C-alpha cells in the first residue's frame, strides 16, 4: 500500500527542492559577504 501515491512522491520531491532552495538562498549572501570582506591576494 502506498501512502500518498503520485502526490506523495511529488510532495517528497517538492520538500527536497524546497530544502535545497532555502539553503541556496541562505548560503549565497553569506558567500558574497565572505568574498567581499576577505580579499584574496
Protein backbone atom coordinates (compact mmCIF):
# COMPACT_ATOMS: atom_id res chain seq x y z
CA UNK A 1 0.00 0.00 0.00
CA UNK A 2 1.35 3.42 -0.94
CA UNK A 3 0.84 6.29 1.50
CA UNK A 4 0.44 9.25 -0.82
CA UNK A 5 0.51 7.71 -4.27
CA UNK A 6 1.73 10.03 -7.01
CA UNK A 7 1.02 13.06 -4.85
CA UNK A 8 3.19 11.57 -2.11
CA UNK A 9 6.11 11.21 -4.50
CA UNK A 10 5.53 14.75 -5.77
CA UNK A 11 5.47 16.07 -2.22
CA UNK A 12 8.73 14.27 -1.46
CA UNK A 13 10.49 15.93 -4.41
CA UNK A 14 8.88 19.27 -3.53
CA UNK A 15 10.27 19.05 0.00
CA UNK A 16 13.74 18.15 -1.27
CA UNK A 17 13.69 21.01 -3.77
CA UNK A 18 12.43 23.41 -1.11
CA UNK A 19 15.24 22.47 1.29
CA UNK A 20 17.88 22.93 -1.44
CA UNK A 21 16.31 26.25 -2.48
CA UNK A 22 16.29 27.58 1.10
CA UNK A 23 19.89 26.52 1.68
CA UNK A 24 20.91 28.16 -1.59
CA UNK A 25 19.20 31.45 -0.64
CA UNK A 26 20.88 31.38 2.78
CA UNK A 27 24.37 30.48 1.52
CA UNK A 28 24.63 32.85 -1.45
CA UNK A 29 24.62 36.13 0.57
CA UNK A 30 27.00 34.55 3.10
CA UNK A 31 29.40 33.52 0.33
CA UNK A 32 29.23 37.01 -1.19
CA UNK A 33 29.91 38.60 2.19
CA UNK A 34 32.93 36.37 2.77
CA UNK A 35 34.28 37.06 -0.71
CA UNK A 36 33.89 40.82 -0.38
CA UNK A 37 35.14 41.14 3.21
CA UNK A 38 38.07 38.74 2.78
CA UNK A 39 40.08 39.75 -0.28
CA UNK A 40 42.17 37.03 -1.90
CA UNK A 41 45.62 38.14 -2.97
